[in-house]
N, C-alpha and C. Protein backbone atom coordinates (compact mmCIF):
# COMPACT_ATOMS: atom_id res chain seq x y z
N UNK A 1 62.71 51.60 -193.95
CA UNK A 1 62.62 52.92 -193.40
C UNK A 1 63.49 53.23 -192.00
N UNK A 2 62.84 52.07 -191.39
CA UNK A 2 64.19 52.55 -189.86
C UNK A 2 65.19 52.33 -190.29
N UNK A 3 66.62 51.95 -191.25
CA UNK A 3 67.61 52.00 -191.72
C UNK A 3 68.42 53.60 -191.82
N UNK A 4 67.10 54.20 -192.91
CA UNK A 4 67.31 55.18 -193.25
C UNK A 4 67.37 56.58 -192.34
N UNK A 5 66.47 55.97 -191.81
CA UNK A 5 66.66 56.97 -190.83
C UNK A 5 67.39 57.45 -189.95
N UNK A 6 68.00 56.16 -189.37
CA UNK A 6 69.17 56.04 -188.27
C UNK A 6 70.15 56.13 -188.77
N UNK A 7 70.27 55.60 -189.80
CA UNK A 7 72.10 55.83 -190.80
C UNK A 7 72.97 54.88 -190.01
N UNK A 8 72.83 53.67 -189.67
CA UNK A 8 74.03 52.49 -189.64
C UNK A 8 74.95 52.46 -190.13
N UNK A 9 75.75 52.30 -189.86
CA UNK A 9 77.71 52.34 -190.18
C UNK A 9 77.46 50.64 -190.93
N UNK A 10 76.73 49.71 -190.51
CA UNK A 10 76.83 48.42 -190.95
C UNK A 10 75.51 47.90 -191.03
N UNK A 11 74.81 47.04 -191.95
CA UNK A 11 73.75 46.02 -191.67
C UNK A 11 74.61 44.83 -191.60
N UNK A 12 73.90 43.97 -190.85
CA UNK A 12 73.84 42.51 -190.66
C UNK A 12 72.88 42.06 -190.64
N UNK A 13 72.54 40.72 -192.04
CA UNK A 13 71.63 39.85 -192.24
C UNK A 13 71.41 38.78 -192.30
N UNK A 14 70.87 38.02 -192.25
CA UNK A 14 70.88 36.09 -191.99
C UNK A 14 69.65 36.47 -193.39
N UNK A 15 70.58 35.53 -193.94
CA UNK A 15 69.41 34.55 -195.04
C UNK A 15 67.80 33.75 -194.88
N UNK A 16 68.28 33.64 -193.78
CA UNK A 16 66.71 32.80 -193.06
C UNK A 16 66.15 34.10 -191.75
N UNK A 17 65.43 34.74 -192.36
CA UNK A 17 64.78 35.36 -191.57
C UNK A 17 63.27 35.61 -192.00
N UNK A 18 62.20 35.57 -190.34
CA UNK A 18 61.44 35.72 -190.58
C UNK A 18 60.74 36.36 -191.16
N UNK A 19 59.56 36.22 -192.19
CA UNK A 19 58.39 37.19 -192.99
C UNK A 19 59.18 37.69 -194.24
N UNK A 20 60.54 38.03 -194.32
CA UNK A 20 60.94 38.87 -195.19
C UNK A 20 62.74 38.51 -195.46
N UNK A 21 63.25 37.41 -196.39
CA UNK A 21 64.58 37.35 -196.17
C UNK A 21 65.82 37.92 -195.89
N UNK A 22 67.03 37.39 -195.92
CA UNK A 22 67.96 38.49 -196.50
C UNK A 22 68.24 38.98 -197.43
N UNK A 23 68.10 38.08 -198.54
CA UNK A 23 68.25 38.76 -199.71
C UNK A 23 67.61 39.34 -200.08
N UNK A 24 66.68 39.54 -200.38
CA UNK A 24 64.97 40.72 -200.47
C UNK A 24 65.20 42.42 -199.59
N UNK A 25 65.60 41.43 -198.28
CA UNK A 25 66.02 43.21 -197.69
C UNK A 25 67.64 43.54 -197.95
N UNK A 26 67.84 42.95 -198.48
CA UNK A 26 69.76 43.51 -199.31
C UNK A 26 68.96 44.21 -200.45
N UNK A 27 68.42 43.40 -201.69
CA UNK A 27 68.15 44.24 -202.42
C UNK A 27 67.21 45.71 -202.17
N UNK A 28 66.42 45.66 -201.01
CA UNK A 28 65.24 46.72 -201.09
C UNK A 28 66.61 47.94 -200.43
N UNK A 29 67.21 47.51 -199.78
CA UNK A 29 68.42 48.57 -198.96
C UNK A 29 69.38 49.22 -200.05
N UNK A 30 69.76 48.01 -200.73
CA UNK A 30 70.42 48.75 -202.40
C UNK A 30 70.21 49.28 -203.58
N UNK A 31 68.38 49.95 -203.50
CA UNK A 31 68.18 50.55 -204.10
C UNK A 31 68.16 52.16 -203.90
N UNK A 32 68.44 52.17 -202.36
CA UNK A 32 68.70 54.22 -201.78
C UNK A 32 69.42 53.84 -201.33
N UNK A 33 70.47 52.87 -200.73
CA UNK A 33 71.12 53.71 -199.85
C UNK A 33 72.81 52.81 -199.98
N UNK A 34 73.76 52.97 -199.70
CA UNK A 34 74.82 52.44 -199.91
C UNK A 34 76.22 51.76 -198.53
N UNK A 35 74.84 51.55 -197.58
CA UNK A 35 75.47 51.05 -196.00
C UNK A 35 75.89 49.92 -196.40
N UNK A 36 77.17 49.26 -195.89
CA UNK A 36 77.86 47.82 -195.95
C UNK A 36 76.85 47.25 -195.72
N UNK A 37 76.59 45.96 -196.17
CA UNK A 37 75.75 44.89 -195.42
C UNK A 37 76.33 43.36 -195.59
N UNK A 38 76.79 42.78 -194.51
CA UNK A 38 77.54 42.00 -194.20
C UNK A 38 76.31 40.46 -193.73
N UNK A 39 76.11 39.67 -194.62
CA UNK A 39 75.21 38.26 -195.34
C UNK A 39 75.74 37.57 -194.22
N UNK A 40 74.84 36.70 -193.45
CA UNK A 40 75.26 35.54 -192.85
C UNK A 40 74.54 34.47 -193.33
N UNK A 41 75.31 33.38 -193.54
CA UNK A 41 74.61 32.41 -194.55
C UNK A 41 74.72 30.87 -193.49
């Protein structure tokens, strides 16, 4: 929700995040946006 409102130029995600992993966040973002994503492993 926050990403959709603020419209960042780029999102950096870590695979190992608390509560929800970076892959799931990436999947959710890809449903609705085309914001570039960098994944850290």
